[in-house]
């Protein structure tokens, strides 16, 4: 982490989030929260393979913007391709926090044909932007965990979970 979590940022995040929209920028000092420079952004798209009981090729895309007034917006899409290439989970970003090259996000599912990700449930995930160019390590994304009941703590506490995994194709940007 580049700096300590700002107490003001944490208070703003917890008090301004009604469960629908919230953001923090844990790397910025409290004095800069009113500044446009404290707007945070994360975006990306790509593919990754998830191995386990079934090997699963997945496509993902997301974009998120967080503002100093406590609002966040954006969209995410996950397309697991193991059994049905038309299977999709889509949703709205409700909070985002950026610390260095990493971003933590929570989204609310708005469209889904998966019984494991019903409309209205929350999902959380995090990403890492590991640079550009041939010599840089791959960018990373976690699996999306579904059923997050309370978004603010995840975006404020920025836990080291879910585990980050290398993407095989695509690009992630965190600013």
Foldseek 3Di string as FASTA:
>chain_A
DQDAFEPVQLVLQVVVAPPAAFEGARNDYPVCLVPQVRKKKKWKWAWAWDDDPFIWIKIKIKIKIHHSNTGMWIKIKIQTPRPNRVFMWMFIWRYWYDDDQKIKTKTATCDGPDPQRDGGKIWIKMWGAQDDDDPTFATWIADIDIRDDDPSVCNRVVDCDDPIDGGPDMGMGID
